[in-house]
Structure formats: C-alpha cells, structure tokens
Amino acid sequence: MPGPVSDSYSGPGDGTPYVPSWCYPKGPRLCPCGHHEGFHADDGACLHAKTCGCSGLPPDCLTPDEEL
C-alpha cells in the first residue's frame, strides 16, 4: 500500500538521463556535445539536442556491451 512519500513523488525530471551514470561500471563515455551516452536515446539522439546542438552520438562514444 503506497504511503505519503510515494504518493507525492512525480517521477524523474525532464532533464534526467535515460541511463544514469552509475549504471556504467567504468563510467559513461562522453559525446562531443558534452553529455554522456546515457543522455542519448537508442537511435543516438541527445535529450538536450535543442540546447547543445548535438547531431547524434558517434559509435565510438558507446560503451561496448562487454563492459556493461
């Protein structure tokens, strides 16, 4: 049964990364736009592209599956 704290939580903010940095054992890699890979969707689109001008996450900025 939910309590007052869970009832008041509205969820993560709009600027929250898709994948938080602590989910990367060696830390996330950075995109040239300055945001780490967790701020980019599966298709490479940056969550903050309107403000940073990111044109997409380059493949060499992705953490390999073996490191996850």
N, C-alpha and C. Protein backbone atom coordinates (compact mmCIF):
# COMPACT_ATOMS: atom_id res chain seq x y z
N MET A 1 0.84 -1.17 0.00
CA MET A 1 0.00 0.00 0.00
C MET A 1 0.89 1.24 0.00
N PRO A 2 0.72 2.16 -0.98
CA PRO A 2 1.56 3.35 -1.06
C PRO A 2 1.37 4.26 0.15
N GLY A 3 2.45 4.92 0.52
CA GLY A 3 2.40 5.87 1.62
C GLY A 3 2.50 7.29 1.11
N PRO A 4 2.58 8.28 2.00
CA PRO A 4 2.60 9.68 1.59
C PRO A 4 3.81 10.05 0.73
N VAL A 5 4.97 9.41 0.95
CA VAL A 5 6.14 9.74 0.14
C VAL A 5 5.95 9.26 -1.29
N SER A 6 5.52 8.02 -1.48
CA SER A 6 5.33 7.52 -2.83
C SER A 6 4.19 8.22 -3.54
N ASP A 7 3.20 8.67 -2.81
CA ASP A 7 2.10 9.41 -3.43
C ASP A 7 2.54 10.78 -3.93
N SER A 8 3.54 11.37 -3.29
CA SER A 8 3.97 12.71 -3.67
C SER A 8 5.08 12.71 -4.73
N TYR A 9 5.70 11.57 -5.00
CA TYR A 9 6.78 11.51 -5.98
C TYR A 9 6.22 11.59 -7.39
N SER A 10 6.68 12.58 -8.15
CA SER A 10 6.16 12.75 -9.51
C SER A 10 7.04 12.13 -10.58
N GLY A 11 8.10 11.45 -10.17
CA GLY A 11 8.99 10.80 -11.13
C GLY A 11 10.18 11.66 -11.45
N PRO A 12 11.09 11.15 -12.28
CA PRO A 12 12.29 11.91 -12.62
C PRO A 12 11.96 13.14 -13.46
N GLY A 13 12.82 14.14 -13.39
CA GLY A 13 12.62 15.36 -14.15
C GLY A 13 12.84 15.17 -15.64
N ASP A 14 12.46 16.16 -16.42
CA ASP A 14 12.59 16.08 -17.88
C ASP A 14 14.04 16.01 -18.34
N GLY A 15 14.96 16.58 -17.58
CA GLY A 15 16.37 16.58 -17.97
C GLY A 15 17.16 15.40 -17.47
N THR A 16 16.49 14.44 -16.89
CA THR A 16 17.14 13.25 -16.33
C THR A 16 17.61 12.33 -17.46
N PRO A 17 18.83 11.77 -17.34
CA PRO A 17 19.31 10.87 -18.40
C PRO A 17 18.46 9.61 -18.52
N TYR A 18 18.45 9.05 -19.72
CA TYR A 18 17.75 7.79 -19.94
C TYR A 18 18.39 6.69 -19.11
N VAL A 19 19.73 6.70 -19.07
CA VAL A 19 20.51 5.72 -18.29
C VAL A 19 21.44 6.51 -17.36
N PRO A 20 21.25 6.41 -16.04
CA PRO A 20 22.09 7.16 -15.11
C PRO A 20 23.55 6.70 -15.16
N SER A 21 24.45 7.59 -14.81
CA SER A 21 25.89 7.30 -14.91
C SER A 21 26.32 6.11 -14.05
N TRP A 22 25.65 5.87 -12.93
CA TRP A 22 26.06 4.76 -12.06
C TRP A 22 25.75 3.39 -12.67
N CYS A 23 25.06 3.35 -13.77
CA CYS A 23 24.77 2.07 -14.44
C CYS A 23 25.94 1.59 -15.30
N TYR A 24 26.96 2.44 -15.47
CA TYR A 24 28.13 2.09 -16.25
C TYR A 24 29.27 1.75 -15.29
N PRO A 25 29.72 0.49 -15.25
CA PRO A 25 30.75 0.08 -14.29
C PRO A 25 32.03 0.92 -14.37
N LYS A 26 32.45 1.31 -15.57
CA LYS A 26 33.66 2.12 -15.73
C LYS A 26 33.33 3.58 -15.99
N GLY A 27 32.08 3.95 -15.83
CA GLY A 27 31.64 5.31 -16.11
C GLY A 27 31.19 5.44 -17.55
N PRO A 28 30.26 6.35 -17.82
CA PRO A 28 29.80 6.51 -19.19
C PRO A 28 30.81 7.28 -20.05
N ARG A 29 30.75 7.06 -21.33
CA ARG A 29 31.61 7.80 -22.27
C ARG A 29 30.91 9.10 -22.65
N LEU A 30 31.70 10.10 -22.97
CA LEU A 30 31.15 11.40 -23.32
C LEU A 30 30.99 11.56 -24.82
N CYS A 31 29.94 12.22 -25.19
CA CYS A 31 29.67 12.60 -26.58
C CYS A 31 30.39 13.93 -26.82
N PRO A 32 30.75 14.25 -28.04
CA PRO A 32 31.34 15.56 -28.32
C PRO A 32 30.45 16.74 -27.89
N CYS A 33 29.16 16.51 -27.73
CA CYS A 33 28.25 17.59 -27.32
C CYS A 33 28.42 17.93 -25.84
N GLY A 34 29.13 17.07 -25.08
CA GLY A 34 29.36 17.32 -23.67
C GLY A 34 28.49 16.51 -22.73
N HIS A 35 27.48 15.83 -23.26
CA HIS A 35 26.61 14.98 -22.43
C HIS A 35 27.07 13.53 -22.56
N HIS A 36 26.94 12.78 -21.47
CA HIS A 36 27.37 11.38 -21.55
C HIS A 36 26.34 10.56 -22.32
N GLU A 37 26.76 9.36 -22.67
CA GLU A 37 25.95 8.50 -23.53
C GLU A 37 24.58 8.17 -22.96
N GLY A 38 24.42 8.27 -21.65
CA GLY A 38 23.12 8.00 -21.03
C GLY A 38 22.06 9.02 -21.36
N PHE A 39 22.46 10.19 -21.86
CA PHE A 39 21.52 11.23 -22.27
C PHE A 39 21.06 11.04 -23.72
N HIS A 40 21.53 9.99 -24.37
CA HIS A 40 21.19 9.73 -25.77
C HIS A 40 20.27 8.52 -25.89
N ALA A 41 19.28 8.64 -26.74
CA ALA A 41 18.33 7.55 -26.98
C ALA A 41 19.01 6.44 -27.78
N ASP A 42 18.31 5.34 -27.98
CA ASP A 42 18.85 4.21 -28.73
C ASP A 42 19.28 4.60 -30.14
N ASP A 43 18.60 5.57 -30.73
CA ASP A 43 18.95 5.99 -32.09
C ASP A 43 20.06 7.04 -32.10
N GLY A 44 20.62 7.39 -30.92
CA GLY A 44 21.72 8.34 -30.82
C GLY A 44 21.30 9.78 -30.59
N ALA A 45 19.99 10.05 -30.59
CA ALA A 45 19.50 11.42 -30.41
C ALA A 45 19.71 11.86 -28.96
N CYS A 46 20.27 13.07 -28.81
CA CYS A 46 20.55 13.61 -27.48
C CYS A 46 19.29 14.22 -26.88
N LEU A 47 19.09 13.98 -25.62
CA LEU A 47 17.95 14.53 -24.89
C LEU A 47 17.98 16.05 -24.87
N HIS A 48 19.17 16.63 -24.95
CA HIS A 48 19.34 18.08 -24.88
C HIS A 48 19.77 18.67 -26.23
N ALA A 49 19.47 18.02 -27.33
CA ALA A 49 19.93 18.46 -28.65
C ALA A 49 19.50 19.89 -28.98
N LYS A 50 18.36 20.33 -28.50
CA LYS A 50 17.91 21.69 -28.80
C LYS A 50 18.83 22.74 -28.20
N THR A 51 19.46 22.43 -27.09
CA THR A 51 20.34 23.41 -26.44
C THR A 51 21.82 23.19 -26.74
N CYS A 52 22.23 21.94 -26.99
CA CYS A 52 23.66 21.69 -27.20
C CYS A 52 24.01 21.53 -28.68
N GLY A 53 23.01 21.36 -29.54
CA GLY A 53 23.26 21.23 -30.97
C GLY A 53 23.80 19.88 -31.40
N CYS A 54 23.66 18.88 -30.56
CA CYS A 54 24.16 17.54 -30.86
C CYS A 54 23.47 16.98 -32.11
N SER A 55 24.28 16.40 -32.99
CA SER A 55 23.72 15.79 -34.20
C SER A 55 23.63 14.28 -34.08
N GLY A 56 23.95 13.74 -32.91
CA GLY A 56 23.85 12.31 -32.68
C GLY A 56 25.10 11.76 -32.03
N LEU A 57 24.95 10.69 -31.28
CA LEU A 57 26.06 10.06 -30.58
C LEU A 57 26.89 9.23 -31.55
N PRO A 58 28.18 9.56 -31.71
CA PRO A 58 29.04 8.76 -32.59
C PRO A 58 29.23 7.34 -32.04
N PRO A 59 29.36 6.36 -32.91
CA PRO A 59 29.52 4.97 -32.47
C PRO A 59 30.70 4.75 -31.53
N ASP A 60 31.78 5.52 -31.69
CA ASP A 60 32.95 5.31 -30.82
C ASP A 60 32.74 5.88 -29.41
N CYS A 61 31.61 6.52 -29.18
CA CYS A 61 31.28 7.06 -27.85
C CYS A 61 30.34 6.14 -27.07
N LEU A 62 30.09 4.96 -27.58
CA LEU A 62 29.23 3.98 -26.91
C LEU A 62 30.07 2.99 -26.10
N THR A 63 29.64 2.68 -24.91
CA THR A 63 30.29 1.65 -24.10
C THR A 63 29.96 0.29 -24.72
N PRO A 64 30.98 -0.53 -25.00
CA PRO A 64 30.71 -1.86 -25.57
C PRO A 64 29.90 -2.73 -24.58
N ASP A 65 29.11 -3.62 -25.12
CA ASP A 65 28.29 -4.50 -24.30
C ASP A 65 29.14 -5.30 -23.31
N GLU A 66 30.36 -5.64 -23.68
CA GLU A 66 31.23 -6.44 -22.82
C GLU A 66 31.56 -5.71 -21.51
N GLU A 67 31.54 -4.37 -21.54
CA GLU A 67 31.87 -3.59 -20.35
C GLU A 67 30.66 -3.34 -19.45
N LEU A 68 29.48 -3.68 -19.91
CA LEU A 68 28.28 -3.43 -19.10
C LEU A 68 27.95 -4.56 -18.19
